[in-house]
Amino acid sequence: MDRLDKEIMLIKDRTSKGCLEAVAYIRRDMDKTPPLIPVKTNNLRSSWFSTPVRDSADRFGVKFGFSANYAAFVHEMLDEVYGKKINWTRPGSGPKFFEKALDRNYNEILQIIADYADVK
């Protein structure tokens, strides 16, 4: 039983590391696959954060996103909302950059976490 408990704890640790790596993967993707993170002053882009969160011995995760106070506003800036074409200053950037990165990388995110959690 001790061996099993030890392996379960190791799996949890590896899975936590896999979550952090998956978040880093998402961040890198938002800078190379459109829609890219919009850049005007670079504040939004540099406000990215990721923090491991553990609320009990059995539950952990990663809190991640953009800390700029206007991040959600920029994320939701659809042309239709404003009734005109938005002039994004960074070529390839645009609305829903975060949401689309999560959606398009769904399988990759799960695979990264699974690779780290590999049962020995």
PDB file of N, CA and C in Angstrom:
ATOM      1  N   MET A   1       0.819  -1.198   0.000  1.00  0.00           N
ATOM      2  CA  MET A   1       0.000   0.000   0.000  1.00  0.00           C
ATOM      3  C   MET A   1       0.864   1.262   0.000  1.00  0.00           C
ATOM      4  N   ASP A   2       1.985   1.238   0.713  1.00  0.00           N
ATOM      5  CA  ASP A   2       2.870   2.405   0.738  1.00  0.00           C
ATOM      6  C   ASP A   2       3.392   2.731  -0.653  1.00  0.00           C
ATOM      7  N   ARG A   3       3.723   1.676  -1.404  1.00  0.00           N
ATOM      8  CA  ARG A   3       4.231   1.886  -2.760  1.00  0.00           C
ATOM      9  C   ARG A   3       3.167   2.532  -3.639  1.00  0.00           C
ATOM     10  N   LEU A   4       1.933   2.072  -3.500  1.00  0.00           N
ATOM     11  CA  LEU A   4       0.824   2.629  -4.269  1.00  0.00           C
ATOM     12  C   LEU A   4       0.587   4.096  -3.890  1.00  0.00           C
ATOM     13  N   ASP A   5       0.569   4.382  -2.599  1.00  0.00           N
ATOM     14  CA  ASP A   5       0.393   5.767  -2.148  1.00  0.00           C
ATOM     15  C   ASP A   5       1.494   6.665  -2.698  1.00  0.00           C
ATOM     16  N   LYS A   6       2.722   6.158  -2.677  1.00  0.00           N
ATOM     17  CA  LYS A   6       3.856   6.931  -3.173  1.00  0.00           C
ATOM     18  C   LYS A   6       3.691   7.230  -4.666  1.00  0.00           C
ATOM     19  N   GLU A   7       3.294   6.220  -5.433  1.00  0.00           N
ATOM     20  CA  GLU A   7       3.116   6.415  -6.877  1.00  0.00           C
ATOM     21  C   GLU A   7       1.975   7.388  -7.165  1.00  0.00           C
ATOM     22  N   ILE A   8       0.902   7.309  -6.401  1.00  0.00           N
ATOM     23  CA  ILE A   8      -0.216   8.240  -6.587  1.00  0.00           C
ATOM     24  C   ILE A   8       0.236   9.674  -6.330  1.00  0.00           C
ATOM     25  N   MET A   9       1.032   9.874  -5.289  1.00  0.00           N
ATOM     26  CA  MET A   9       1.556  11.216  -5.000  1.00  0.00           C
ATOM     27  C   MET A   9       2.470  11.697  -6.128  1.00  0.00           C
ATOM     28  N   LEU A  10       3.273  10.797  -6.673  1.00  0.00           N
ATOM     29  CA  LEU A  10       4.152  11.167  -7.784  1.00  0.00           C
ATOM     30  C   LEU A  10       3.342  11.530  -9.026  1.00  0.00           C
ATOM     31  N   ILE A  11       2.269  10.786  -9.271  1.00  0.00           N
ATOM     32  CA  ILE A  11       1.393  11.083 -10.409  1.00  0.00           C
ATOM     33  C   ILE A  11       0.778  12.475 -10.233  1.00  0.00           C
ATOM     34  N   LYS A  12       0.328  12.772  -9.023  1.00  0.00           N
ATOM     35  CA  LYS A  12      -0.250  14.098  -8.759  1.00  0.00           C
ATOM     36  C   LYS A  12       0.777  15.192  -9.020  1.00  0.00           C
ATOM     37  N   ASP A  13       2.007  14.979  -8.566  1.00  0.00           N
ATOM     38  CA  ASP A  13       3.067  15.967  -8.774  1.00  0.00           C
ATOM     39  C   ASP A  13       3.363  16.137 -10.263  1.00  0.00           C
ATOM     40  N   ARG A  14       3.460  15.024 -10.970  1.00  0.00           N
ATOM     41  CA  ARG A  14       3.744  15.097 -12.407  1.00  0.00           C
ATOM     42  C   ARG A  14       2.585  15.739 -13.162  1.00  0.00           C
ATOM     43  N   THR A  15       1.359  15.438 -12.743  1.00  0.00           N
ATOM     44  CA  THR A  15       0.194  16.028 -13.394  1.00  0.00           C
ATOM     45  C   THR A  15       0.173  17.541 -13.185  1.00  0.00           C
ATOM     46  N   SER A  16       0.524  17.979 -11.996  1.00  0.00           N
ATOM     47  CA  SER A  16       0.609  19.412 -11.718  1.00  0.00           C
ATOM     48  C   SER A  16       1.641  20.074 -12.625  1.00  0.00           C
ATOM     49  N   LYS A  17       2.781  19.439 -12.789  1.00  0.00           N
ATOM     50  CA  LYS A  17       3.813  19.966 -13.693  1.00  0.00           C
ATOM     51  C   LYS A  17       3.308  19.963 -15.136  1.00  0.00           C
ATOM     52  N   GLY A  18       2.552  18.936 -15.494  1.00  0.00           N
ATOM     53  CA  GLY A  18       1.968  18.873 -16.831  1.00  0.00           C
ATOM     54  C   GLY A  18       0.986  20.004 -17.073  1.00  0.00           C
ATOM     55  N   CYS A  19       0.211  20.355 -16.052  1.00  0.00           N
ATOM     56  CA  CYS A  19      -0.726  21.482 -16.176  1.00  0.00           C
ATOM     57  C   CYS A  19       0.032  22.777 -16.431  1.00  0.00           C
ATOM     58  N   LEU A  20       1.123  22.992 -15.698  1.00  0.00           N
ATOM     59  CA  LEU A  20       1.932  24.198 -15.902  1.00  0.00           C
ATOM     60  C   LEU A  20       2.538  24.223 -17.300  1.00  0.00           C
ATOM     61  N   GLU A  21       2.997  23.077 -17.769  1.00  0.00           N
ATOM     62  CA  GLU A  21       3.574  23.015 -19.117  1.00  0.00           C
ATOM     63  C   GLU A  21       2.495  23.258 -20.180  1.00  0.00           C
ATOM     64  N   ALA A  22       1.290  22.734 -19.953  1.00  0.00           N
ATOM     65  CA  ALA A  22       0.188  22.956 -20.895  1.00  0.00           C
ATOM     66  C   ALA A  22      -0.165  24.442 -20.974  1.00  0.00           C
ATOM     67  N   VAL A  23      -0.152  25.117 -19.844  1.00  0.00           N
ATOM     68  CA  VAL A  23      -0.429  26.552 -19.816  1.00  0.00           C
ATOM     69  C   VAL A  23       0.656  27.315 -20.580  1.00  0.00           C
ATOM     70  N   ALA A  24       1.907  26.915 -20.404  1.00  0.00           N
ATOM     71  CA  ALA A  24       3.009  27.556 -21.143  1.00  0.00           C
ATOM     72  C   ALA A  24       2.838  27.332 -22.648  1.00  0.00           C
ATOM     73  N   TYR A  25       2.368  26.147 -23.030  1.00  0.00           N
ATOM     74  CA  TYR A  25       2.121  25.828 -24.435  1.00  0.00           C
ATOM     75  C   TYR A  25       1.049  26.763 -25.011  1.00  0.00           C
ATOM     76  N   ILE A  26      -0.026  26.973 -24.244  1.00  0.00           N
ATOM     77  CA  ILE A  26      -1.102  27.866 -24.679  1.00  0.00           C
ATOM     78  C   ILE A  26      -0.556  29.274 -24.904  1.00  0.00           C
ATOM     79  N   ARG A  27       0.250  29.739 -23.953  1.00  0.00           N
ATOM     80  CA  ARG A  27       0.813  31.097 -24.047  1.00  0.00           C
ATOM     81  C   ARG A  27       1.676  31.250 -25.298  1.00  0.00           C
ATOM     82  N   ARG A  28       2.532  30.267 -25.553  1.00  0.00           N
ATOM     83  CA  ARG A  28       3.386  30.332 -26.751  1.00  0.00           C
ATOM     84  C   ARG A  28       2.541  30.330 -28.017  1.00  0.00           C
ATOM     85  N   ASP A  29       1.478  29.532 -28.018  1.00  0.00           N
ATOM     86  CA  ASP A  29       0.625  29.436 -29.201  1.00  0.00           C
ATOM     87  C   ASP A  29      -0.072  30.762 -29.513  1.00  0.00           C
ATOM     88  N   MET A  30      -0.440  31.507 -28.488  1.00  0.00           N
ATOM     89  CA  MET A  30      -1.119  32.792 -28.723  1.00  0.00           C
ATOM     90  C   MET A  30      -0.194  33.820 -29.364  1.00  0.00           C
ATOM     91  N   ASP A  31       1.094  33.556 -29.383  1.00  0.00           N
ATOM     92  CA  ASP A  31       2.037  34.461 -30.041  1.00  0.00           C
ATOM     93  C   ASP A  31       2.453  33.980 -31.422  1.00  0.00           C
ATOM     94  N   LYS A  32       1.984  32.789 -31.825  1.00  0.00           N
ATOM     95  CA  LYS A  32       2.389  32.315 -33.147  1.00  0.00           C
ATOM     96  C   LYS A  32       1.234  31.884 -34.048  1.00  0.00           C
ATOM     97  N   THR A  33       0.045  31.631 -33.486  1.00  0.00           N
ATOM     98  CA  THR A  33      -1.090  31.187 -34.287  1.00  0.00           C
ATOM     99  C   THR A  33      -2.228  32.200 -34.173  1.00  0.00           C
ATOM    100  N   PRO A  34      -2.673  32.763 -35.292  1.00  0.00           N
ATOM    101  CA  PRO A  34      -3.763  33.743 -35.238  1.00  0.00           C
ATOM    102  C   PRO A  34      -5.059  33.137 -34.697  1.00  0.00           C
ATOM    103  N   PRO A  35      -5.863  33.928 -34.025  1.00  0.00           N
ATOM    104  CA  PRO A  35      -5.611  35.327 -33.711  1.00  0.00           C
ATOM    105  C   PRO A  35      -4.568  35.469 -32.595  1.00  0.00           C
ATOM    106  N   LEU A  36      -3.595  36.321 -32.859  1.00  0.00           N
ATOM    107  CA  LEU A  36      -2.518  36.569 -31.906  1.00  0.00           C
ATOM    108  C   LEU A  36      -2.984  37.528 -30.815  1.00  0.00           C
ATOM    109  N   ILE A  37      -2.211  37.586 -29.739  1.00  0.00           N
ATOM    110  CA  ILE A  37      -2.491  38.553 -28.681  1.00  0.00           C
ATOM    111  C   ILE A  37      -2.299  39.953 -29.268  1.00  0.00           C
ATOM    112  N   PRO A  38      -3.313  40.805 -29.177  1.00  0.00           N
ATOM    113  CA  PRO A  38      -3.153  42.170 -29.673  1.00  0.00           C
ATOM    114  C   PRO A  38      -2.046  42.911 -28.915  1.00  0.00           C
ATOM    115  N   VAL A  39      -1.322  43.737 -29.647  1.00  0.00           N
ATOM    116  CA  VAL A  39      -0.229  44.506 -29.043  1.00  0.00           C
ATOM    117  C   VAL A  39      -0.352  45.958 -29.489  1.00  0.00           C
ATOM    118  N   LYS A  40      -0.464  46.827 -28.538  1.00  0.00           N
ATOM    119  CA  LYS A  40      -0.397  48.256 -28.833  1.00  0.00           C
ATOM    120  C   LYS A  40       0.770  48.834 -28.039  1.00  0.00           C
ATOM    121  N   THR A  41       0.722  48.634 -26.729  1.00  0.00           N
ATOM    122  CA  THR A  41       1.824  49.097 -25.873  1.00  0.00           C
ATOM    123  C   THR A  41       2.590  47.924 -25.272  1.00  0.00           C
ATOM    124  N   ASN A  42       2.156  46.697 -25.544  1.00  0.00           N
ATOM    125  CA  ASN A  42       2.733  45.455 -25.025  1.00  0.00           C
ATOM    126  C   ASN A  42       2.321  45.166 -23.583  1.00  0.00           C
ATOM    127  N   ASN A  43       1.519  46.023 -22.977  1.00  0.00           N
ATOM    128  CA  ASN A  43       1.090  45.798 -21.598  1.00  0.00           C
ATOM    129  C   ASN A  43       0.210  44.557 -21.479  1.00  0.00           C
ATOM    130  N   LEU A  44      -0.757  44.405 -22.378  1.00  0.00           N
ATOM    131  CA  LEU A  44      -1.640  43.241 -22.328  1.00  0.00           C
ATOM    132  C   LEU A  44      -0.824  41.963 -22.452  1.00  0.00           C
ATOM    133  N   ARG A  45       0.009  41.904 -23.441  1.00  0.00           N
ATOM    134  CA  ARG A  45       0.820  40.714 -23.702  1.00  0.00           C
ATOM    135  C   ARG A  45       1.706  40.369 -22.505  1.00  0.00           C
ATOM    136  N   SER A  46       2.295  41.373 -21.897  1.00  0.00           N
ATOM    137  CA  SER A  46       3.203  41.116 -20.780  1.00  0.00           C
ATOM    138  C   SER A  46       2.471  40.922 -19.453  1.00  0.00           C
ATOM    139  N   SER A  47       1.152  41.062 -19.446  1.00  0.00           N
ATOM    140  CA  SER A  47       0.402  40.857 -18.206  1.00  0.00           C
ATOM    141  C   SER A  47       0.012  39.394 -17.988  1.00  0.00           C
ATOM    142  N   TRP A  48       0.460  38.512 -18.861  1.00  0.00           N
ATOM    143  CA  TRP A  48       0.173  37.080 -18.731  1.00  0.00           C
ATOM    144  C   TRP A  48       0.703  36.569 -17.397  1.00  0.00           C
ATOM    145  N   PHE A  49      -0.080  35.722 -16.751  1.00  0.00           N
ATOM    146  CA  PHE A  49       0.371  35.103 -15.507  1.00  0.00           C
ATOM    147  C   PHE A  49      -0.109  33.659 -15.455  1.00  0.00           C
ATOM    148  N   SER A  50       0.600  32.838 -14.730  1.00  0.00           N
ATOM    149  CA  SER A  50       0.154  31.478 -14.420  1.00  0.00           C
ATOM    150  C   SER A  50       0.646  31.157 -13.015  1.00  0.00           C
ATOM    151  N   THR A  51      -0.271  30.654 -12.200  1.00  0.00           N
ATOM    152  CA  THR A  51       0.021  30.376 -10.803  1.00  0.00           C
ATOM    153  C   THR A  51      -0.539  29.016 -10.420  1.00  0.00           C
ATOM    154  N   PRO A  52       0.302  28.130  -9.885  1.00  0.00           N
ATOM    155  CA  PRO A  52      -0.219  26.853  -9.399  1.00  0.00           C
ATOM    156  C   PRO A  52      -1.167  27.104  -8.221  1.00  0.00           C
ATOM    157  N   VAL A  53      -2.243  26.352  -8.176  1.00  0.00           N
ATOM    158  CA  VAL A  53      -3.233  26.488  -7.111  1.00  0.00           C
ATOM    159  C   VAL A  53      -3.497  25.104  -6.530  1.00  0.00           C
ATOM    160  N   ARG A  54      -3.427  25.011  -5.216  1.00  0.00           N
ATOM    161  CA  ARG A  54      -3.752  23.753  -4.537  1.00  0.00           C
ATOM    162  C   ARG A  54      -4.711  24.106  -3.409  1.00  0.00           C
ATOM    163  N   ASP A  55      -5.944  23.627  -3.503  1.00  0.00           N
ATOM    164  CA  ASP A  55      -6.909  23.963  -2.455  1.00  0.00           C
ATOM    165  C   ASP A  55      -7.086  22.845  -1.435  1.00  0.00           C
ATOM    166  N   SER A  56      -6.450  21.717  -1.677  1.00  0.00           N
ATOM    167  CA  SER A  56      -6.421  20.618  -0.711  1.00  0.00           C
ATOM    168  C   SER A  56      -5.334  19.654  -1.162  1.00  0.00           C
ATOM    169  N   ALA A  57      -5.125  18.611  -0.397  1.00  0.00           N
ATOM    170  CA  ALA A  57      -4.092  17.633  -0.758  1.00  0.00           C
ATOM    171  C   ALA A  57      -4.428  16.928  -2.070  1.00  0.00           C
ATOM    172  N   ASP A  58      -5.706  16.870  -2.404  1.00  0.00           N
ATOM    173  CA  ASP A  58      -6.131  16.124  -3.590  1.00  0.00           C
ATOM    174  C   ASP A  58      -6.494  16.990  -4.789  1.00  0.00           C
ATOM    175  N   ARG A  59      -6.620  18.289  -4.584  1.00  0.00           N
ATOM    176  CA  ARG A  59      -7.058  19.151  -5.684  1.00  0.00           C
ATOM    177  C   ARG A  59      -6.008  20.202  -5.986  1.00  0.00           C
ATOM    178  N   PHE A  60      -5.667  20.271  -7.250  1.00  0.00           N
ATOM    179  CA  PHE A  60      -4.697  21.274  -7.688  1.00  0.00           C
ATOM    180  C   PHE A  60      -5.068  21.718  -9.091  1.00  0.00           C
ATOM    181  N   GLY A  61      -4.487  22.789  -9.508  1.00  0.00           N
ATOM    182  CA  GLY A  61      -4.727  23.295 -10.848  1.00  0.00           C
ATOM    183  C   GLY A  61      -3.813  24.465 -11.114  1.00  0.00           C
ATOM    184  N   VAL A  62      -4.146  25.213 -12.130  1.00  0.00           N
ATOM    185  CA  VAL A  62      -3.361  26.385 -12.485  1.00  0.00           C
ATOM    186  C   VAL A  62      -4.332  27.516 -12.812  1.00  0.00           C
ATOM    187  N   LYS A  63      -4.115  28.636 -12.183  1.00  0.00           N
ATOM    188  CA  LYS A  63      -4.877  29.840 -12.510  1.00  0.00           C
ATOM    189  C   LYS A  63      -4.020  30.607 -13.508  1.00  0.00           C
ATOM    190  N   PHE A  64      -4.614  30.968 -14.653  1.00  0.00           N
ATOM    191  CA  PHE A  64      -3.821  31.644 -15.676  1.00  0.00           C
ATOM    192  C   PHE A  64      -4.686  32.593 -16.482  1.00  0.00           C
ATOM    193  N   GLY A  65      -4.035  33.568 -17.076  1.00  0.00           N
ATOM    194  CA  GLY A  65      -4.752  34.545 -17.882  1.00  0.00           C
ATOM    195  C   GLY A  65      -3.959  35.828 -17.999  1.00  0.00           C
ATOM    196  N   PHE A  66      -4.669  36.911 -18.216  1.00  0.00           N
ATOM    197  CA  PHE A  66      -4.052  38.223 -18.369  1.00  0.00           C
ATOM    198  C   PHE A  66      -4.514  39.115 -17.226  1.00  0.00           C
ATOM    199  N   SER A  67      -3.581  39.796 -16.592  1.00  0.00           N
ATOM    200  CA  SER A  67      -3.931  40.637 -15.442  1.00  0.00           C
ATOM    201  C   SER A  67      -4.245  42.083 -15.821  1.00  0.00           C
ATOM    202  N   ALA A  68      -3.985  42.481 -17.051  1.00  0.00           N
ATOM    203  CA  ALA A  68      -4.314  43.858 -17.465  1.00  0.00           C
ATOM    204  C   ALA A  68      -5.809  44.080 -17.252  1.00  0.00           C
ATOM    205  N   ASN A  69      -6.161  45.210 -16.655  1.00  0.00           N
ATOM    206  CA  ASN A  69      -7.565  45.445 -16.309  1.00  0.00           C
ATOM    207  C   ASN A  69      -8.485  45.508 -17.522  1.00  0.00           C
ATOM    208  N   TYR A  70      -7.952  45.687 -18.693  1.00  0.00           N
ATOM    209  CA  TYR A  70      -8.772  45.777 -19.906  1.00  0.00           C
ATOM    210  C   TYR A  70      -8.698  44.502 -20.759  1.00  0.00           C
ATOM    211  N   ALA A  71      -8.090  43.457 -20.256  1.00  0.00           N
ATOM    212  CA  ALA A  71      -7.887  42.230 -21.036  1.00  0.00           C
ATOM    213  C   ALA A  71      -9.203  41.654 -21.566  1.00  0.00           C
ATOM    214  N   ALA A  72     -10.204  41.549 -20.713  1.00  0.00           N
ATOM    215  CA  ALA A  72     -11.493  40.986 -21.147  1.00  0.00           C
ATOM    216  C   ALA A  72     -12.142  41.873 -22.210  1.00  0.00           C
ATOM    217  N   PHE A  73     -12.031  43.167 -22.060  1.00  0.00           N
ATOM    218  CA  PHE A  73     -12.594  44.106 -23.033  1.00  0.00           C
ATOM    219  C   PHE A  73     -11.972  43.888 -24.412  1.00  0.00           C
ATOM    220  N   VAL A  74     -10.644  43.824 -24.467  1.00  0.00           N
ATOM    221  CA  VAL A  74      -9.949  43.627 -25.748  1.00  0.00           C
ATOM    222  C   VAL A  74     -10.296  42.256 -26.321  1.00  0.00           C
ATOM    223  N   HIS A  75     -10.367  41.252 -25.464  1.00  0.00           N
ATOM    224  CA  HIS A  75     -10.686  39.895 -25.906  1.00  0.00           C
ATOM    225  C   HIS A  75     -12.038  39.835 -26.609  1.00  0.00           C
ATOM    226  N   GLU A  76     -12.974  40.646 -26.162  1.00  0.00           N
ATOM    227  CA  GLU A  76     -14.342  40.623 -26.696  1.00  0.00           C
ATOM    228  C   GLU A  76     -14.607  41.691 -27.751  1.00  0.00           C
ATOM    229  N   MET A  77     -13.591  42.353 -28.264  1.00  0.00           N
ATOM    230  CA  MET A  77     -13.771  43.439 -29.245  1.00  0.00           C
ATOM    231  C   MET A  77     -14.077  42.888 -30.643  1.00  0.00           C
ATOM    232  N   LEU A  78     -15.301  42.498 -30.843  1.00  0.00           N
ATOM    233  CA  LEU A  78     -15.739  42.002 -32.147  1.00  0.00           C
ATOM    234  C   LEU A  78     -16.162  43.172 -33.023  1.00  0.00           C
ATOM    235  N   ASP A  79     -15.870  43.078 -34.313  1.00  0.00           N
ATOM    236  CA  ASP A  79     -16.249  44.139 -35.257  1.00  0.00           C
ATOM    237  C   ASP A  79     -17.742  44.452 -35.177  1.00  0.00           C
ATOM    238  N   GLU A  80     -18.561  43.399 -35.053  1.00  0.00           N
ATOM    239  CA  GLU A  80     -20.013  43.568 -35.058  1.00  0.00           C
ATOM    240  C   GLU A  80     -20.481  44.417 -33.872  1.00  0.00           C
ATOM    241  N   VAL A  81     -19.793  44.307 -32.767  1.00  0.00           N
ATOM    242  CA  VAL A  81     -20.181  45.055 -31.575  1.00  0.00           C
ATOM    243  C   VAL A  81     -20.009  46.551 -31.800  1.00  0.00           C
ATOM    244  N   TYR A  82     -18.982  46.917 -32.527  1.00  0.00           N
ATOM    245  CA  TYR A  82     -18.674  48.328 -32.753  1.00  0.00           C
ATOM    246  C   TYR A  82     -19.229  48.865 -34.069  1.00  0.00           C
ATOM    247  N   GLY A  83     -19.752  47.984 -34.898  1.00  0.00           N
ATOM    248  CA  GLY A  83     -20.336  48.404 -36.158  1.00  0.00           C
ATOM    249  C   GLY A  83     -19.324  48.880 -37.182  1.00  0.00           C
ATOM    250  N   LYS A  84     -18.071  48.625 -36.934  1.00  0.00           N
ATOM    251  CA  LYS A  84     -17.022  49.005 -37.885  1.00  0.00           C
ATOM    252  C   LYS A  84     -15.844  48.054 -37.716  1.00  0.00           C
ATOM    253  N   LYS A  85     -14.997  48.034 -38.716  1.00  0.00           N
ATOM    254  CA  LYS A  85     -13.804  47.185 -38.690  1.00  0.00           C
ATOM    255  C   LYS A  85     -12.808  47.736 -37.671  1.00  0.00           C
ATOM    256  N   ILE A  86     -12.325  46.878 -36.796  1.00  0.00           N
ATOM    257  CA  ILE A  86     -11.342  47.295 -35.795  1.00  0.00           C
ATOM    258  C   ILE A  86      -9.955  47.228 -36.413  1.00  0.00           C
ATOM    259  N   ASN A  87      -9.172  48.247 -36.203  1.00  0.00           N
ATOM    260  CA  ASN A  87      -7.812  48.312 -36.727  1.00  0.00           C
ATOM    261  C   ASN A  87      -6.849  47.725 -35.691  1.00  0.00           C
ATOM    262  N   TRP A  88      -6.608  46.425 -35.794  1.00  0.00           N
ATOM    263  CA  TRP A  88      -5.670  45.772 -34.882  1.00  0.00           C
ATOM    264  C   TRP A  88      -4.257  46.155 -35.311  1.00  0.00           C
ATOM    265  N   THR A  89      -3.464  46.653 -34.380  1.00  0.00           N
ATOM    266  CA  THR A  89      -2.128  47.151 -34.725  1.00  0.00           C
ATOM    267  C   THR A  89      -1.127  46.037 -34.987  1.00  0.00           C
ATOM    268  N   ARG A  90      -1.373  44.868 -34.479  1.00  0.00           N
ATOM    269  CA  ARG A  90      -0.477  43.732 -34.725  1.00  0.00           C
ATOM    270  C   ARG A  90      -1.098  42.845 -35.796  1.00  0.00           C
ATOM    271  N   PRO A  91      -0.426  42.651 -36.917  1.00  0.00           N
ATOM    272  CA  PRO A  91      -0.972  41.772 -37.959  1.00  0.00           C
ATOM    273  C   PRO A  91      -1.249  40.372 -37.403  1.00  0.00           C
ATOM    274  N   GLY A  92      -2.423  39.867 -37.715  1.00  0.00           N
ATOM    275  CA  GLY A  92      -2.805  38.528 -37.263  1.00  0.00           C
ATOM    276  C   GLY A  92      -3.464  38.500 -35.899  1.00  0.00           C
ATOM    277  N   SER A  93      -3.510  39.639 -35.222  1.00  0.00           N
ATOM    278  CA  SER A  93      -4.140  39.666 -33.899  1.00  0.00           C
ATOM    279  C   SER A  93      -5.628  39.932 -34.049  1.00  0.00           C
ATOM    280  N   GLY A  94      -6.365  39.679 -32.982  1.00  0.00           N
ATOM    281  CA  GLY A  94      -7.790  39.920 -33.042  1.00  0.00           C
ATOM    282  C   GLY A  94      -8.512  39.421 -31.816  1.00  0.00           C
ATOM    283  N   PRO A  95      -9.842  39.525 -31.852  1.00  0.00           N
ATOM    284  CA  PRO A  95     -10.642  39.142 -30.694  1.00  0.00           C
ATOM    285  C   PRO A  95     -10.614  37.633 -30.459  1.00  0.00           C
ATOM    286  N   LYS A  96     -10.972  37.269 -29.250  1.00  0.00           N
ATOM    287  CA  LYS A  96     -11.090  35.861 -28.852  1.00  0.00           C
ATOM    288  C   LYS A  96      -9.761  35.109 -28.926  1.00  0.00           C
ATOM    289  N   PHE A  97      -8.640  35.821 -28.866  1.00  0.00           N
ATOM    290  CA  PHE A  97      -7.313  35.204 -28.979  1.00  0.00           C
ATOM    291  C   PHE A  97      -7.084  34.135 -27.917  1.00  0.00           C
ATOM    292  N   PHE A  98      -7.563  34.365 -26.707  1.00  0.00           N
ATOM    293  CA  PHE A  98      -7.364  33.419 -25.601  1.00  0.00           C
ATOM    294  C   PHE A  98      -8.290  32.213 -25.760  1.00  0.00           C
ATOM    295  N   GLU A  99      -9.557  32.483 -25.966  1.00  0.00           N
ATOM    296  CA  GLU A  99     -10.560  31.426 -26.124  1.00  0.00           C
ATOM    297  C   GLU A  99     -10.213  30.502 -27.292  1.00  0.00           C
ATOM    298  N   LYS A 100      -9.806  31.082 -28.404  1.00  0.00           N
ATOM    299  CA  LYS A 100      -9.483  30.273 -29.582  1.00  0.00           C
ATOM    300  C   LYS A 100      -8.229  29.437 -29.366  1.00  0.00           C
ATOM    301  N   ALA A 101      -7.260  29.961 -28.613  1.00  0.00           N
ATOM    302  CA  ALA A 101      -6.056  29.180 -28.305  1.00  0.00           C
ATOM    303  C   ALA A 101      -6.418  27.964 -27.461  1.00  0.00           C
ATOM    304  N   LEU A 102      -7.322  28.139 -26.512  1.00  0.00           N
ATOM    305  CA  LEU A 102      -7.762  27.010 -25.688  1.00  0.00           C
ATOM    306  C   LEU A 102      -8.514  25.986 -26.538  1.00  0.00           C
ATOM    307  N   ASP A 103      -9.419  26.465 -27.382  1.00  0.00           N
ATOM    308  CA  ASP A 103     -10.218  25.567 -28.222  1.00  0.00           C
ATOM    309  C   ASP A 103      -9.356  24.772 -29.204  1.00  0.00           C
ATOM    310  N   ARG A 104      -8.466  25.437 -29.908  1.00  0.00           N
ATOM    311  CA  ARG A 104      -7.696  24.745 -30.948  1.00  0.00           C
ATOM    312  C   ARG A 104      -6.640  23.806 -30.364  1.00  0.00           C
ATOM    313  N   ASN A 105      -6.269  24.014 -29.112  1.00  0.00           N
ATOM    314  CA  ASN A 105      -5.233  23.190 -28.491  1.00  0.00           C
ATOM    315  C   ASN A 105      -5.778  22.188 -27.482  1.00  0.00           C
ATOM    316  N   TYR A 106      -7.074  21.962 -27.507  1.00  0.00           N
ATOM    317  CA  TYR A 106      -7.721  21.059 -26.547  1.00  0.00           C
ATOM    318  C   TYR A 106      -6.993  19.716 -26.452  1.00  0.00           C
ATOM    319  N   ASN A 107      -6.800  19.062 -27.585  1.00  0.00           N
ATOM    320  CA  ASN A 107      -6.154  17.745 -27.574  1.00  0.00           C
ATOM    321  C   ASN A 107      -4.699  17.824 -27.125  1.00  0.00           C
ATOM    322  N   GLU A 108      -3.993  18.862 -27.553  1.00  0.00           N
ATOM    323  CA  GLU A 108      -2.590  19.027 -27.157  1.00  0.00           C
ATOM    324  C   GLU A 108      -2.472  19.243 -25.651  1.00  0.00           C
ATOM    325  N   ILE A 109      -3.382  20.020 -25.089  1.00  0.00           N
ATOM    326  CA  ILE A 109      -3.380  20.276 -23.644  1.00  0.00           C
ATOM    327  C   ILE A 109      -3.534  18.959 -22.887  1.00  0.00           C
ATOM    328  N   LEU A 110      -4.522  18.173 -23.277  1.00  0.00           N
ATOM    329  CA  LEU A 110      -4.740  16.885 -22.609  1.00  0.00           C
ATOM    330  C   LEU A 110      -3.543  15.957 -22.782  1.00  0.00           C
ATOM    331  N   GLN A 111      -2.940  15.965 -23.963  1.00  0.00           N
ATOM    332  CA  GLN A 111      -1.789  15.095 -24.215  1.00  0.00           C
ATOM    333  C   GLN A 111      -0.581  15.499 -23.372  1.00  0.00           C
ATOM    334  N   ILE A 112      -0.333  16.785 -23.241  1.00  0.00           N
ATOM    335  CA  ILE A 112       0.787  17.260 -22.421  1.00  0.00           C
ATOM    336  C   ILE A 112       0.601  16.804 -20.978  1.00  0.00           C
ATOM    337  N   ILE A 113      -0.596  16.988 -20.446  1.00  0.00           N
ATOM    338  CA  ILE A 113      -0.859  16.582 -19.063  1.00  0.00           C
ATOM    339  C   ILE A 113      -0.716  15.070 -18.921  1.00  0.00           C
ATOM    340  N   ALA A 114      -1.251  14.317 -19.877  1.00  0.00           N
ATOM    341  CA  ALA A 114      -1.147  12.854 -19.831  1.00  0.00           C
ATOM    342  C   ALA A 114       0.301  12.394 -19.913  1.00  0.00           C
ATOM    343  N   ASP A 115       1.097  13.046 -20.752  1.00  0.00           N
ATOM    344  CA  ASP A 115       2.511  12.675 -20.878  1.00  0.00           C
ATOM    345  C   ASP A 115       3.250  12.870 -19.560  1.00  0.00           C
ATOM    346  N   TYR A 116       2.957  13.949 -18.878  1.00  0.00           N
ATOM    347  CA  TYR A 116       3.607  14.201 -17.585  1.00  0.00           C
ATOM    348  C   TYR A 116       3.119  13.233 -16.514  1.00  0.00           C
ATOM    349  N   ALA A 117       1.845  12.861 -16.563  1.00  0.00           N
ATOM    350  CA  ALA A 117       1.258  11.999 -15.536  1.00  0.00           C
ATOM    351  C   ALA A 117       1.587  10.528 -15.742  1.00  0.00           C
ATOM    352  N   ASP A 118       2.302  10.221 -16.779  1.00  0.00           N
ATOM    353  CA  ASP A 118       2.642   8.847 -17.147  1.00  0.00           C
ATOM    354  C   ASP A 118       2.885   7.963 -15.926  1.00  0.00           C
ATOM    355  N   VAL A 119       2.110   6.904 -15.831  1.00  0.00           N
ATOM    356  CA  VAL A 119       2.255   5.960 -14.721  1.00  0.00           C
ATOM    357  C   VAL A 119       3.454   5.079 -14.995  1.00  0.00           C
ATOM    358  N   LYS A 120       4.353   5.030 -14.043  1.00  0.00           N
ATOM    359  CA  LYS A 120       5.599   4.257 -14.201  1.00  0.00           C
ATOM    360  C   LYS A 120       5.377   2.797 -13.860  1.00  0.00           C
TER     361      LYS A 120
END
